Structure formats: C-alpha cells, structure tokens
Amino acid sequence: MSDDVREGARAGEVRKISSGGPWEESIGYSRAVELPNGLVLVAGCTAMVDGRISAGGPYEQARVAFGVAVKALEELGLGAEHVVRTRMYITHVRDSDEVGRAHKELFDAVRPAASMIVVSGFIDPSLVVEVEVEAYRGGAR
C-alpha cells in the first residue's frame, strides 16, 4: 500500500477509485471519491459483478452490494468501521427486513446513520437493491 493510500487525499487533492464496472465508463462516474477532508463517497453499488447479477434475493443482493462498497473503501485504506452513513434503495417494501438484516450483519457495531428508500426500479430490472456508503478517514472507533 502506498503512502498516499495510508494518508488519504493530500491537501487539495481529490482521489478517485474505479472498480472497472461497465456503467462507470458508459455513464462517467467513479466508484469512490475521497475528498481532502477525509470524507469518502461510494457510488451506488449493486449485486452486478463482472457483467452479471451474482446473487438472487434481496438479502443476498444487499450482501454483495455492500461487499462492492467495502472493497472500494479498502482500496483507499479504509474499512466498514469507517462508514458513517449508508443508503439502501429497494424496489419493494417487502424486502426491507432482508436488506436490513444484511446491513445489521455488517454495520451493527459501527451504527452509521442510515436510510432505506423504496424506488420504482433500477437500470437492470433483476436488481432489487442498491446501496451507497459514506466513510470518514478519521471516523473509526
């Protein structure tokens, strides 16, 4: 790991991480962006991995999606313990307990601020959950 990753974004520098996902290129966004103040924003993550949906139901999709988000944090030298905010977007309110269970398994000890929002759908209709996370380099306890 380079000193840049361990120390985070230097004064005035914004760092960007790509996961190589096809939508990053076609839409034009970064998987994660770290601001000079240590705030890290991770773009919406789904269970779409290597061009296919890698999990079935809402619980499984949420676990994979959070895994994609945490992997982006790890590339910046952070982990789940640095997460201060999560957002969970679901297509059906009936999925809230399963998505919430996946969230609790990963973040129960961290207790970030969290939102769960019902939306009409995603870019691929097989997806039932998308998640976003925000982390803070100084936020681990």
N, C-alpha and C. Protein backbone atom coordinates (compact mmCIF):
# COMPACT_ATOMS: atom_id res chain seq x y z
N MET A 1 0.84 -1.17 0.00
CA MET A 1 0.00 0.00 0.00
C MET A 1 0.89 1.24 0.00
N SER A 2 0.59 2.20 -0.85
CA SER A 2 1.42 3.39 -0.95
C SER A 2 1.14 4.33 0.21
N ASP A 3 2.07 5.26 0.45
CA ASP A 3 1.86 6.27 1.48
C ASP A 3 0.64 7.11 1.18
N ASP A 4 0.37 7.37 -0.12
CA ASP A 4 -0.79 8.16 -0.50
C ASP A 4 -2.08 7.51 0.00
N VAL A 5 -2.20 6.18 -0.13
CA VAL A 5 -3.40 5.49 0.31
C VAL A 5 -3.51 5.53 1.82
N ARG A 6 -2.40 5.29 2.54
CA ARG A 6 -2.44 5.29 4.00
C ARG A 6 -2.80 6.67 4.53
N GLU A 7 -2.30 7.71 3.91
CA GLU A 7 -2.52 9.05 4.42
C GLU A 7 -3.78 9.69 3.87
N GLY A 8 -4.38 9.12 2.85
CA GLY A 8 -5.58 9.70 2.26
C GLY A 8 -5.24 10.80 1.28
N ALA A 9 -6.26 11.52 0.87
CA ALA A 9 -6.07 12.59 -0.09
C ALA A 9 -5.23 13.71 0.55
N ARG A 10 -4.22 14.13 -0.14
CA ARG A 10 -3.39 15.23 0.35
C ARG A 10 -4.13 16.54 0.18
N ALA A 11 -3.63 17.58 0.80
CA ALA A 11 -4.27 18.90 0.77
C ALA A 11 -4.67 19.29 -0.65
N GLY A 12 -5.94 19.53 -0.84
CA GLY A 12 -6.45 19.99 -2.12
C GLY A 12 -6.64 18.91 -3.16
N GLU A 13 -6.25 17.67 -2.87
CA GLU A 13 -6.33 16.58 -3.84
C GLU A 13 -7.61 15.77 -3.64
N VAL A 14 -8.27 15.47 -4.73
CA VAL A 14 -9.43 14.57 -4.71
C VAL A 14 -8.97 13.27 -5.35
N ARG A 15 -9.15 12.15 -4.62
CA ARG A 15 -8.74 10.84 -5.14
C ARG A 15 -9.98 10.11 -5.63
N LYS A 16 -9.84 9.40 -6.75
CA LYS A 16 -10.96 8.66 -7.34
C LYS A 16 -10.55 7.23 -7.59
N ILE A 17 -11.47 6.30 -7.28
CA ILE A 17 -11.24 4.87 -7.46
C ILE A 17 -12.28 4.35 -8.45
N SER A 18 -11.84 3.49 -9.36
CA SER A 18 -12.74 2.82 -10.29
C SER A 18 -12.72 1.33 -10.00
N SER A 19 -13.89 0.69 -10.12
CA SER A 19 -13.92 -0.76 -9.96
C SER A 19 -13.89 -1.46 -11.31
N GLY A 20 -13.93 -0.67 -12.39
CA GLY A 20 -13.91 -1.24 -13.72
C GLY A 20 -15.27 -1.67 -14.23
N GLY A 21 -16.31 -1.35 -13.48
CA GLY A 21 -17.66 -1.72 -13.90
C GLY A 21 -18.06 -1.03 -15.20
N PRO A 22 -18.88 -1.69 -16.02
CA PRO A 22 -19.23 -1.14 -17.32
C PRO A 22 -20.00 0.18 -17.24
N TRP A 23 -20.81 0.36 -16.21
CA TRP A 23 -21.59 1.60 -16.12
C TRP A 23 -20.72 2.78 -15.73
N GLU A 24 -19.62 2.54 -15.02
CA GLU A 24 -18.71 3.63 -14.68
C GLU A 24 -18.22 4.31 -15.95
N GLU A 25 -17.85 3.50 -16.93
CA GLU A 25 -17.34 4.03 -18.19
C GLU A 25 -18.46 4.64 -19.04
N SER A 26 -19.56 3.92 -19.18
CA SER A 26 -20.62 4.39 -20.09
C SER A 26 -21.38 5.60 -19.55
N ILE A 27 -21.46 5.71 -18.23
CA ILE A 27 -22.19 6.83 -17.62
C ILE A 27 -21.22 7.94 -17.21
N GLY A 28 -20.00 7.56 -16.85
CA GLY A 28 -18.99 8.56 -16.50
C GLY A 28 -18.97 8.90 -15.02
N TYR A 29 -18.66 7.92 -14.18
CA TYR A 29 -18.55 8.19 -12.73
C TYR A 29 -17.47 7.32 -12.13
N SER A 30 -17.12 7.63 -10.89
CA SER A 30 -16.13 6.87 -10.14
C SER A 30 -16.83 6.02 -9.11
N ARG A 31 -16.27 4.87 -8.78
CA ARG A 31 -16.82 4.01 -7.73
C ARG A 31 -16.75 4.71 -6.38
N ALA A 32 -15.60 5.38 -6.12
CA ALA A 32 -15.44 6.09 -4.86
C ALA A 32 -14.62 7.34 -5.08
N VAL A 33 -14.93 8.38 -4.30
CA VAL A 33 -14.21 9.64 -4.36
C VAL A 33 -13.86 10.03 -2.92
N GLU A 34 -12.57 10.29 -2.70
CA GLU A 34 -12.14 10.77 -1.38
C GLU A 34 -11.80 12.24 -1.47
N LEU A 35 -12.41 13.03 -0.60
CA LEU A 35 -12.16 14.46 -0.54
C LEU A 35 -10.99 14.75 0.39
N PRO A 36 -10.36 15.91 0.23
CA PRO A 36 -9.21 16.24 1.07
C PRO A 36 -9.51 16.22 2.58
N ASN A 37 -10.75 16.40 2.97
CA ASN A 37 -11.09 16.40 4.39
C ASN A 37 -11.27 15.00 4.97
N GLY A 38 -11.04 13.95 4.16
CA GLY A 38 -11.15 12.57 4.64
C GLY A 38 -12.51 11.93 4.43
N LEU A 39 -13.45 12.67 3.87
CA LEU A 39 -14.76 12.09 3.56
C LEU A 39 -14.66 11.28 2.28
N VAL A 40 -15.19 10.06 2.31
CA VAL A 40 -15.19 9.18 1.15
C VAL A 40 -16.63 8.88 0.77
N LEU A 41 -16.96 9.13 -0.48
CA LEU A 41 -18.29 8.87 -1.02
C LEU A 41 -18.20 7.69 -1.97
N VAL A 42 -18.99 6.66 -1.72
CA VAL A 42 -19.00 5.49 -2.60
C VAL A 42 -20.31 5.51 -3.39
N ALA A 43 -20.18 5.42 -4.70
CA ALA A 43 -21.34 5.45 -5.60
C ALA A 43 -22.26 4.26 -5.34
N GLY A 44 -23.45 4.33 -5.90
CA GLY A 44 -24.39 3.23 -5.76
C GLY A 44 -23.79 1.91 -6.20
N CYS A 45 -23.94 0.89 -5.35
CA CYS A 45 -23.40 -0.44 -5.61
C CYS A 45 -24.54 -1.44 -5.64
N THR A 46 -24.46 -2.38 -6.56
CA THR A 46 -25.47 -3.42 -6.70
C THR A 46 -24.80 -4.79 -6.68
N ALA A 47 -25.59 -5.81 -6.91
CA ALA A 47 -25.07 -7.18 -7.00
C ALA A 47 -24.58 -7.51 -8.40
N MET A 48 -24.48 -6.52 -9.28
CA MET A 48 -23.95 -6.73 -10.63
C MET A 48 -22.43 -6.77 -10.55
N VAL A 49 -21.85 -7.94 -10.78
CA VAL A 49 -20.41 -8.12 -10.71
C VAL A 49 -19.97 -8.85 -11.98
N ASP A 50 -18.97 -8.31 -12.63
CA ASP A 50 -18.45 -8.89 -13.88
C ASP A 50 -19.55 -9.07 -14.92
N GLY A 51 -20.44 -8.09 -15.00
CA GLY A 51 -21.46 -8.09 -16.04
C GLY A 51 -22.67 -8.96 -15.79
N ARG A 52 -22.74 -9.57 -14.60
CA ARG A 52 -23.92 -10.38 -14.31
C ARG A 52 -24.32 -10.20 -12.85
N ILE A 53 -25.58 -10.46 -12.56
CA ILE A 53 -26.06 -10.37 -11.19
C ILE A 53 -25.58 -11.62 -10.46
N SER A 54 -24.79 -11.40 -9.42
CA SER A 54 -24.13 -12.51 -8.75
C SER A 54 -24.89 -13.05 -7.55
N ALA A 55 -26.09 -12.57 -7.31
CA ALA A 55 -26.86 -13.04 -6.16
C ALA A 55 -28.35 -12.97 -6.47
N GLY A 56 -29.15 -13.75 -5.74
CA GLY A 56 -30.57 -13.86 -6.03
C GLY A 56 -31.47 -12.87 -5.33
N GLY A 57 -31.86 -13.18 -4.10
CA GLY A 57 -32.86 -12.38 -3.39
C GLY A 57 -32.30 -11.12 -2.77
N PRO A 58 -33.17 -10.37 -2.10
CA PRO A 58 -32.77 -9.07 -1.54
C PRO A 58 -31.63 -9.17 -0.51
N TYR A 59 -31.67 -10.18 0.36
CA TYR A 59 -30.60 -10.33 1.35
C TYR A 59 -29.26 -10.58 0.65
N GLU A 60 -29.25 -11.51 -0.28
CA GLU A 60 -28.03 -11.87 -0.98
C GLU A 60 -27.52 -10.70 -1.83
N GLN A 61 -28.43 -10.02 -2.51
CA GLN A 61 -28.02 -8.87 -3.32
C GLN A 61 -27.45 -7.77 -2.43
N ALA A 62 -28.05 -7.53 -1.28
CA ALA A 62 -27.54 -6.50 -0.36
C ALA A 62 -26.15 -6.86 0.13
N ARG A 63 -25.93 -8.13 0.48
CA ARG A 63 -24.61 -8.56 0.95
C ARG A 63 -23.54 -8.31 -0.12
N VAL A 64 -23.86 -8.66 -1.37
CA VAL A 64 -22.89 -8.44 -2.46
C VAL A 64 -22.68 -6.95 -2.68
N ALA A 65 -23.76 -6.17 -2.70
CA ALA A 65 -23.65 -4.73 -2.94
C ALA A 65 -22.81 -4.05 -1.86
N PHE A 66 -23.06 -4.39 -0.59
CA PHE A 66 -22.23 -3.82 0.48
C PHE A 66 -20.79 -4.29 0.35
N GLY A 67 -20.59 -5.51 -0.12
CA GLY A 67 -19.23 -6.01 -0.34
C GLY A 67 -18.49 -5.21 -1.39
N VAL A 68 -19.18 -4.83 -2.46
CA VAL A 68 -18.58 -3.99 -3.50
C VAL A 68 -18.18 -2.65 -2.91
N ALA A 69 -19.06 -2.08 -2.09
CA ALA A 69 -18.78 -0.78 -1.47
C ALA A 69 -17.59 -0.86 -0.52
N VAL A 70 -17.55 -1.89 0.31
CA VAL A 70 -16.44 -2.04 1.26
C VAL A 70 -15.13 -2.29 0.52
N LYS A 71 -15.18 -3.04 -0.57
CA LYS A 71 -13.97 -3.27 -1.36
C LYS A 71 -13.41 -1.94 -1.88
N ALA A 72 -14.29 -1.04 -2.31
CA ALA A 72 -13.83 0.28 -2.77
C ALA A 72 -13.17 1.04 -1.61
N LEU A 73 -13.75 0.95 -0.42
CA LEU A 73 -13.14 1.60 0.74
C LEU A 73 -11.77 1.00 1.03
N GLU A 74 -11.67 -0.31 0.92
CA GLU A 74 -10.39 -0.98 1.20
C GLU A 74 -9.30 -0.53 0.25
N GLU A 75 -9.67 -0.23 -0.99
CA GLU A 75 -8.69 0.28 -1.95
C GLU A 75 -8.13 1.63 -1.51
N LEU A 76 -8.88 2.33 -0.68
CA LEU A 76 -8.43 3.62 -0.14
C LEU A 76 -7.85 3.48 1.26
N GLY A 77 -7.68 2.25 1.73
CA GLY A 77 -7.11 2.02 3.04
C GLY A 77 -8.08 2.14 4.19
N LEU A 78 -9.38 2.05 3.90
CA LEU A 78 -10.43 2.13 4.92
C LEU A 78 -11.19 0.82 4.98
N GLY A 79 -12.11 0.72 5.93
CA GLY A 79 -12.94 -0.48 6.04
C GLY A 79 -14.33 -0.13 6.53
N ALA A 80 -15.13 -1.15 6.79
CA ALA A 80 -16.51 -0.95 7.24
C ALA A 80 -16.57 -0.12 8.51
N GLU A 81 -15.54 -0.22 9.35
CA GLU A 81 -15.54 0.53 10.61
C GLU A 81 -15.46 2.04 10.40
N HIS A 82 -15.11 2.50 9.20
CA HIS A 82 -15.03 3.92 8.89
C HIS A 82 -16.35 4.48 8.34
N VAL A 83 -17.33 3.62 8.11
CA VAL A 83 -18.59 4.06 7.49
C VAL A 83 -19.40 4.88 8.49
N VAL A 84 -19.85 6.05 8.03
CA VAL A 84 -20.64 6.95 8.87
C VAL A 84 -22.07 7.13 8.36
N ARG A 85 -22.33 6.72 7.11
CA ARG A 85 -23.68 6.85 6.54
C ARG A 85 -23.88 5.79 5.49
N THR A 86 -25.10 5.21 5.47
CA THR A 86 -25.48 4.28 4.42
C THR A 86 -26.85 4.67 3.88
N ARG A 87 -27.04 4.33 2.62
CA ARG A 87 -28.35 4.49 1.99
C ARG A 87 -28.67 3.19 1.27
N MET A 88 -29.87 2.69 1.50
CA MET A 88 -30.31 1.45 0.86
C MET A 88 -31.55 1.77 0.03
N TYR A 89 -31.46 1.49 -1.24
CA TYR A 89 -32.58 1.70 -2.16
C TYR A 89 -33.14 0.32 -2.50
N ILE A 90 -34.43 0.15 -2.31
CA ILE A 90 -35.07 -1.14 -2.58
C ILE A 90 -36.27 -0.92 -3.50
N THR A 91 -36.62 -1.96 -4.26
CA THR A 91 -37.75 -1.83 -5.19
C THR A 91 -39.08 -2.24 -4.57
N HIS A 92 -39.05 -2.95 -3.44
CA HIS A 92 -40.28 -3.38 -2.77
C HIS A 92 -40.12 -3.25 -1.27
N VAL A 93 -41.10 -2.67 -0.60
CA VAL A 93 -41.04 -2.53 0.85
C VAL A 93 -40.95 -3.89 1.53
N ARG A 94 -41.50 -4.92 0.90
CA ARG A 94 -41.44 -6.26 1.49
C ARG A 94 -40.00 -6.77 1.66
N ASP A 95 -39.04 -6.15 0.97
CA ASP A 95 -37.64 -6.56 1.06
C ASP A 95 -36.88 -5.85 2.18
N SER A 96 -37.54 -4.95 2.89
CA SER A 96 -36.83 -4.12 3.87
C SER A 96 -36.20 -4.95 4.99
N ASP A 97 -36.89 -5.98 5.48
CA ASP A 97 -36.32 -6.78 6.56
C ASP A 97 -35.07 -7.53 6.12
N GLU A 98 -35.09 -8.09 4.92
CA GLU A 98 -33.93 -8.85 4.42
C GLU A 98 -32.74 -7.93 4.15
N VAL A 99 -32.98 -6.78 3.57
CA VAL A 99 -31.90 -5.84 3.31
C VAL A 99 -31.39 -5.28 4.64
N GLY A 100 -32.31 -5.01 5.55
CA GLY A 100 -31.91 -4.55 6.88
C GLY A 100 -31.07 -5.58 7.62
N ARG A 101 -31.38 -6.85 7.47
CA ARG A 101 -30.60 -7.92 8.10
C ARG A 101 -29.17 -7.92 7.57
N ALA A 102 -29.01 -7.77 6.26
CA ALA A 102 -27.66 -7.72 5.68
C ALA A 102 -26.90 -6.50 6.21
N HIS A 103 -27.59 -5.37 6.31
CA HIS A 103 -26.97 -4.15 6.84
C HIS A 103 -26.52 -4.36 8.28
N LYS A 104 -27.39 -4.93 9.09
CA LYS A 104 -27.07 -5.14 10.51
C LYS A 104 -25.86 -6.06 10.68
N GLU A 105 -25.77 -7.11 9.88
CA GLU A 105 -24.64 -8.03 9.99
C GLU A 105 -23.31 -7.32 9.77
N LEU A 106 -23.28 -6.36 8.88
CA LEU A 106 -22.04 -5.67 8.55
C LEU A 106 -21.78 -4.45 9.43
N PHE A 107 -22.83 -3.74 9.81
CA PHE A 107 -22.65 -2.44 10.45
C PHE A 107 -23.21 -2.33 11.87
N ASP A 108 -23.61 -3.44 12.47
CA ASP A 108 -24.22 -3.37 13.81
C ASP A 108 -23.30 -2.69 14.82
N ALA A 109 -22.02 -3.02 14.81
CA ALA A 109 -21.09 -2.42 15.76
C ALA A 109 -20.73 -0.99 15.39
N VAL A 110 -20.88 -0.64 14.11
CA VAL A 110 -20.49 0.68 13.62
C VAL A 110 -21.60 1.70 13.84
N ARG A 111 -22.83 1.28 13.59
CA ARG A 111 -24.02 2.11 13.74
C ARG A 111 -23.97 3.43 12.95
N PRO A 112 -23.80 3.35 11.62
CA PRO A 112 -23.81 4.59 10.83
C PRO A 112 -25.23 5.14 10.74
N ALA A 113 -25.35 6.41 10.39
CA ALA A 113 -26.65 6.96 10.03
C ALA A 113 -27.11 6.20 8.79
N ALA A 114 -28.39 5.85 8.70
CA ALA A 114 -28.85 5.01 7.59
C ALA A 114 -30.22 5.46 7.11
N SER A 115 -30.44 5.25 5.82
CA SER A 115 -31.74 5.50 5.20
C SER A 115 -32.07 4.31 4.32
N MET A 116 -33.37 3.98 4.25
CA MET A 116 -33.85 2.96 3.31
C MET A 116 -35.00 3.58 2.54
N ILE A 117 -34.87 3.58 1.23
CA ILE A 117 -35.82 4.26 0.36
C ILE A 117 -36.36 3.29 -0.66
N VAL A 118 -37.68 3.30 -0.86
CA VAL A 118 -38.30 2.47 -1.90
C VAL A 118 -38.31 3.27 -3.20
N VAL A 119 -37.80 2.64 -4.27
CA VAL A 119 -37.73 3.27 -5.58
C VAL A 119 -38.51 2.43 -6.59
N SER A 120 -38.71 2.98 -7.77
CA SER A 120 -39.51 2.27 -8.77
C SER A 120 -38.74 1.19 -9.51
N GLY A 121 -37.42 1.26 -9.53
CA GLY A 121 -36.64 0.24 -10.22
C GLY A 121 -35.23 0.71 -10.49
N PHE A 122 -34.43 -0.21 -11.06
CA PHE A 122 -33.03 0.07 -11.35
C PHE A 122 -32.73 -0.15 -12.82
N ILE A 123 -31.51 0.13 -13.22
CA ILE A 123 -31.08 0.05 -14.61
C ILE A 123 -31.27 -1.36 -15.18
N ASP A 124 -31.17 -2.38 -14.33
CA ASP A 124 -31.47 -3.76 -14.72
C ASP A 124 -32.64 -4.22 -13.84
N PRO A 125 -33.75 -4.64 -14.42
CA PRO A 125 -34.94 -4.99 -13.62
C PRO A 125 -34.75 -6.18 -12.69
N SER A 126 -33.68 -6.95 -12.84
CA SER A 126 -33.41 -8.07 -11.93
C SER A 126 -32.83 -7.62 -10.61
N LEU A 127 -32.34 -6.40 -10.58
CA LEU A 127 -31.77 -5.85 -9.35
C LEU A 127 -32.89 -5.38 -8.43
N VAL A 128 -32.80 -5.72 -7.15
CA VAL A 128 -33.83 -5.31 -6.19
C VAL A 128 -33.28 -4.40 -5.10
N VAL A 129 -31.96 -4.20 -5.06
CA VAL A 129 -31.36 -3.33 -4.04
C VAL A 129 -30.10 -2.66 -4.60
N GLU A 130 -29.90 -1.42 -4.19
CA GLU A 130 -28.67 -0.68 -4.48
C GLU A 130 -28.30 0.04 -3.19
N VAL A 131 -27.01 0.11 -2.91
CA VAL A 131 -26.57 0.75 -1.67
C VAL A 131 -25.50 1.79 -1.96
N GLU A 132 -25.44 2.78 -1.09
CA GLU A 132 -24.38 3.78 -1.10
C GLU A 132 -23.81 3.85 0.30
N VAL A 133 -22.53 4.15 0.41
CA VAL A 133 -21.94 4.36 1.72
C VAL A 133 -21.08 5.62 1.68
N GLU A 134 -20.97 6.24 2.85
CA GLU A 134 -20.07 7.34 3.06
C GLU A 134 -19.19 6.95 4.24
N ALA A 135 -17.91 7.22 4.12
CA ALA A 135 -16.98 6.90 5.19
C ALA A 135 -16.15 8.14 5.50
N TYR A 136 -15.55 8.09 6.67
CA TYR A 136 -14.70 9.20 7.09
C TYR A 136 -13.39 8.62 7.60
N ARG A 137 -12.31 9.11 7.05
CA ARG A 137 -10.99 8.57 7.39
C ARG A 137 -10.71 8.67 8.89
N GLY A 138 -11.19 9.67 9.55
CA GLY A 138 -10.98 9.82 10.99
C GLY A 138 -12.09 9.21 11.81
N GLY A 139 -13.01 8.47 11.18
CA GLY A 139 -14.22 8.03 11.85
C GLY A 139 -14.17 6.69 12.53
N ALA A 140 -13.09 5.92 12.43
CA ALA A 140 -13.06 4.60 13.06
C ALA A 140 -12.94 4.72 14.57
N ARG A 141 -13.60 3.82 15.27
CA ARG A 141 -13.53 3.83 16.74
C ARG A 141 -12.79 2.63 17.24
